Amino acid sequence: MPIITIILNDAPYGSERTYNGLRTAMTLQKEDNVKVNVFLFADATFCALEGQTTPDGYYNIGRMIRYIAKKGKVSCCSSCMDARGIGKDIPLIENVQRSSMNELKEWILSSDKVINF
């Protein structure tokens, strides 16, 4: 089973880089034999926050993360979260976890492909 790791760096809203990275992850997950990991760095860690509300007709990053986390793994750089005031007491979307460079290292080493957005 191929493993694909997607690394996101940009804020959830404002540009479409993160949105396109998540669309890519969701499309890849539609294949039965593909495992997808998503690692959130820098401002992309805001994607993992619970309770996102967007206007009707606008994409909702939180909903996309929730979908991806049901079938794959979604982790956030804990030092990036700390730097942005996202403390351990702030709720994250279900199945999303604070993580470290060590986990990302393991993902990269075990992945068949790594994509960076």
C-alpha atoms as a PDB file:
ATOM      1  CA  MET A   1       0.000   0.000   0.000  1.00  0.00           C
ATOM      2  CA  PRO A   2       1.569   3.319  -1.020  1.00  0.00           C
ATOM      3  CA  ILE A   3       1.945   5.919   1.724  1.00  0.00           C
ATOM      4  CA  ILE A   4       1.739   9.596   0.829  1.00  0.00           C
ATOM      5  CA  THR A   5       2.629  12.368   3.261  1.00  0.00           C
ATOM      6  CA  ILE A   6       1.320  15.860   2.593  1.00  0.00           C
ATOM      7  CA  ILE A   7       2.901  18.798   4.425  1.00  0.00           C
ATOM      8  CA  LEU A   8       0.926  22.031   4.722  1.00  0.00           C
ATOM      9  CA  ASN A   9       2.401  25.383   5.785  1.00  0.00           C
ATOM     10  CA  ASP A  10      -0.127  28.122   5.022  1.00  0.00           C
ATOM     11  CA  ALA A  11      -3.078  29.480   6.981  1.00  0.00           C
ATOM     12  CA  PRO A  12      -6.432  27.776   6.407  1.00  0.00           C
ATOM     13  CA  TYR A  13      -7.975  30.809   4.711  1.00  0.00           C
ATOM     14  CA  GLY A  14      -6.543  33.635   2.630  1.00  0.00           C
ATOM     15  CA  SER A  15      -4.787  31.632  -0.060  1.00  0.00           C
ATOM     16  CA  GLU A  16      -5.777  28.375  -1.684  1.00  0.00           C
ATOM     17  CA  ARG A  17      -2.558  26.442  -1.013  1.00  0.00           C
ATOM     18  CA  THR A  18      -3.900  24.697   2.082  1.00  0.00           C
ATOM     19  CA  TYR A  19      -7.286  24.130   0.464  1.00  0.00           C
ATOM     20  CA  ASN A  20      -5.606  22.540  -2.561  1.00  0.00           C
ATOM     21  CA  GLY A  21      -3.400  20.373  -0.350  1.00  0.00           C
ATOM     22  CA  LEU A  22      -6.453  19.090   1.500  1.00  0.00           C
ATOM     23  CA  ARG A  23      -8.330  18.519  -1.756  1.00  0.00           C
ATOM     24  CA  THR A  24      -5.379  16.464  -2.931  1.00  0.00           C
ATOM     25  CA  ALA A  25      -5.408  14.426   0.294  1.00  0.00           C
ATOM     26  CA  MET A  26      -9.159  13.793   0.024  1.00  0.00           C
ATOM     27  CA  THR A  27      -8.873  12.726  -3.612  1.00  0.00           C
ATOM     28  CA  LEU A  28      -6.014  10.339  -2.806  1.00  0.00           C
ATOM     29  CA  GLN A  29      -8.019   8.829   0.058  1.00  0.00           C
ATOM     30  CA  LYS A  30     -10.727   7.779  -2.378  1.00  0.00           C
ATOM     31  CA  GLU A  31      -8.328   5.081  -3.566  1.00  0.00           C
ATOM     32  CA  ASP A  32      -8.724   1.969  -1.412  1.00  0.00           C
ATOM     33  CA  ASN A  33      -5.048   1.096  -1.372  1.00  0.00           C
ATOM     34  CA  VAL A  34      -3.508   4.483  -0.457  1.00  0.00           C
ATOM     35  CA  LYS A  35      -2.595   5.706   3.021  1.00  0.00           C
ATOM     36  CA  VAL A  36      -2.460   9.496   3.474  1.00  0.00           C
ATOM     37  CA  ASN A  37      -0.745  11.429   6.278  1.00  0.00           C
ATOM     38  CA  VAL A  38      -1.163  15.200   6.635  1.00  0.00           C
ATOM     39  CA  PHE A  39       1.266  17.232   8.748  1.00  0.00           C
ATOM     40  CA  LEU A  40       0.410  20.839   9.631  1.00  0.00           C
ATOM     41  CA  PHE A  41       3.239  23.338  10.121  1.00  0.00           C
ATOM     42  CA  ALA A  42       3.311  27.069  10.901  1.00  0.00           C
ATOM     43  CA  ASP A  43      -0.017  28.846  10.218  1.00  0.00           C
ATOM     44  CA  ALA A  44      -1.503  25.612   8.867  1.00  0.00           C
ATOM     45  CA  THR A  45      -1.860  24.491  12.497  1.00  0.00           C
ATOM     46  CA  PHE A  46      -4.931  26.767  12.653  1.00  0.00           C
ATOM     47  CA  CYS A  47      -6.611  24.254  10.313  1.00  0.00           C
ATOM     48  CA  ALA A  48      -6.916  21.819  13.210  1.00  0.00           C
ATOM     49  CA  LEU A  49      -9.007  24.073  15.452  1.00  0.00           C
ATOM     50  CA  GLU A  50     -12.500  22.877  16.283  1.00  0.00           C
ATOM     51  CA  GLY A  51     -15.521  25.097  15.614  1.00  0.00           C
ATOM     52  CA  GLN A  52     -14.679  26.767  12.295  1.00  0.00           C
ATOM     53  CA  THR A  53     -17.608  28.659  10.786  1.00  0.00           C
ATOM     54  CA  THR A  54     -17.585  29.837   7.194  1.00  0.00           C
ATOM     55  CA  PRO A  55     -20.198  31.567   5.014  1.00  0.00           C
ATOM     56  CA  ASP A  56     -22.531  29.377   2.962  1.00  0.00           C
ATOM     57  CA  GLY A  57     -20.927  28.315  -0.286  1.00  0.00           C
ATOM     58  CA  TYR A  58     -17.387  28.777   1.062  1.00  0.00           C
ATOM     59  CA  TYR A  59     -15.148  25.811   1.707  1.00  0.00           C
ATOM     60  CA  ASN A  60     -14.690  24.796   5.339  1.00  0.00           C
ATOM     61  CA  ILE A  61     -11.163  23.628   6.153  1.00  0.00           C
ATOM     62  CA  GLY A  62     -12.303  22.113   9.456  1.00  0.00           C
ATOM     63  CA  ARG A  63     -14.755  19.848   7.653  1.00  0.00           C
ATOM     64  CA  MET A  64     -12.026  18.777   5.243  1.00  0.00           C
ATOM     65  CA  ILE A  65      -9.597  17.993   8.072  1.00  0.00           C
ATOM     66  CA  ARG A  66     -12.303  15.999   9.876  1.00  0.00           C
ATOM     67  CA  TYR A  67     -12.894  13.905   6.725  1.00  0.00           C
ATOM     68  CA  ILE A  68      -9.180  13.239   6.200  1.00  0.00           C
ATOM     69  CA  ALA A  69      -8.588  12.354   9.861  1.00  0.00           C
ATOM     70  CA  LYS A  70     -11.280   9.640   9.737  1.00  0.00           C
ATOM     71  CA  LYS A  71      -9.347   7.637   7.131  1.00  0.00           C
ATOM     72  CA  GLY A  72      -5.768   8.826   7.628  1.00  0.00           C
ATOM     73  CA  LYS A  73      -3.533  10.635  10.065  1.00  0.00           C
ATOM     74  CA  VAL A  74      -3.455  14.364  10.698  1.00  0.00           C
ATOM     75  CA  SER A  75      -0.851  15.818  13.049  1.00  0.00           C
ATOM     76  CA  CYS A  76       0.247  19.334  13.999  1.00  0.00           C
ATOM     77  CA  CYS A  77       3.673  20.657  14.869  1.00  0.00           C
ATOM     78  CA  SER A  78       3.391  21.299  18.613  1.00  0.00           C
ATOM     79  CA  SER A  79       6.104  23.977  18.680  1.00  0.00           C
ATOM     80  CA  CYS A  80       4.335  25.818  15.824  1.00  0.00           C
ATOM     81  CA  MET A  81       1.108  25.639  17.814  1.00  0.00           C
ATOM     82  CA  ASP A  82       2.798  26.927  20.959  1.00  0.00           C
ATOM     83  CA  ALA A  83       4.317  29.837  19.020  1.00  0.00           C
ATOM     84  CA  ARG A  84       0.823  30.817  17.855  1.00  0.00           C
ATOM     85  CA  GLY A  85      -0.809  30.563  21.283  1.00  0.00           C
ATOM     86  CA  ILE A  86      -2.644  27.339  20.482  1.00  0.00           C
ATOM     87  CA  GLY A  87      -2.300  25.763  23.899  1.00  0.00           C
ATOM     88  CA  LYS A  88      -2.954  22.179  24.908  1.00  0.00           C
ATOM     89  CA  ASP A  89      -6.295  23.285  26.375  1.00  0.00           C
ATOM     90  CA  ILE A  90      -7.641  24.511  23.011  1.00  0.00           C
ATOM     91  CA  PRO A  91      -9.802  21.804  21.387  1.00  0.00           C
ATOM     92  CA  LEU A  92      -8.653  20.256  18.142  1.00  0.00           C
ATOM     93  CA  ILE A  93     -10.762  18.445  15.585  1.00  0.00           C
ATOM     94  CA  GLU A  94     -11.371  14.823  16.549  1.00  0.00           C
ATOM     95  CA  ASN A  95      -8.518  12.450  15.612  1.00  0.00           C
ATOM     96  CA  VAL A  96      -6.061  15.333  15.093  1.00  0.00           C
ATOM     97  CA  GLN A  97      -3.109  15.406  17.447  1.00  0.00           C
ATOM     98  CA  ARG A  98      -0.260  17.620  18.516  1.00  0.00           C
ATOM     99  CA  SER A  99       2.958  16.067  17.303  1.00  0.00           C
ATOM    100  CA  SER A 100       6.650  16.566  16.715  1.00  0.00           C
ATOM    101  CA  MET A 101       9.397  16.574  14.140  1.00  0.00           C
ATOM    102  CA  ASN A 102      10.172  12.991  15.155  1.00  0.00           C
ATOM    103  CA  GLU A 103       6.775  11.802  13.955  1.00  0.00           C
ATOM    104  CA  LEU A 104       7.155  13.751  10.713  1.00  0.00           C
ATOM    105  CA  LYS A 105      10.612  12.199  10.257  1.00  0.00           C
ATOM    106  CA  GLU A 106       9.096   8.712  10.611  1.00  0.00           C
ATOM    107  CA  TRP A 107       6.327   9.561   8.168  1.00  0.00           C
ATOM    108  CA  ILE A 108       8.807  10.884   5.594  1.00  0.00           C
ATOM    109  CA  LEU A 109      11.101   7.877   5.923  1.00  0.00           C
ATOM    110  CA  SER A 110       8.203   5.437   5.500  1.00  0.00           C
ATOM    111  CA  SER A 111       6.446   7.363   2.693  1.00  0.00           C
ATOM    112  CA  ASP A 112       6.550   6.547  -0.972  1.00  0.00           C
ATOM    113  CA  LYS A 113       5.858  10.199  -1.836  1.00  0.00           C
ATOM    114  CA  VAL A 114       6.020  13.484   0.093  1.00  0.00           C
ATOM    115  CA  ILE A 115       4.132  16.521  -1.191  1.00  0.00           C
ATOM    116  CA  ASN A 116       4.633  19.998   0.231  1.00  0.00           C
ATOM    117  CA  PHE A 117       2.072  22.812  -0.100  1.00  0.00           C
END
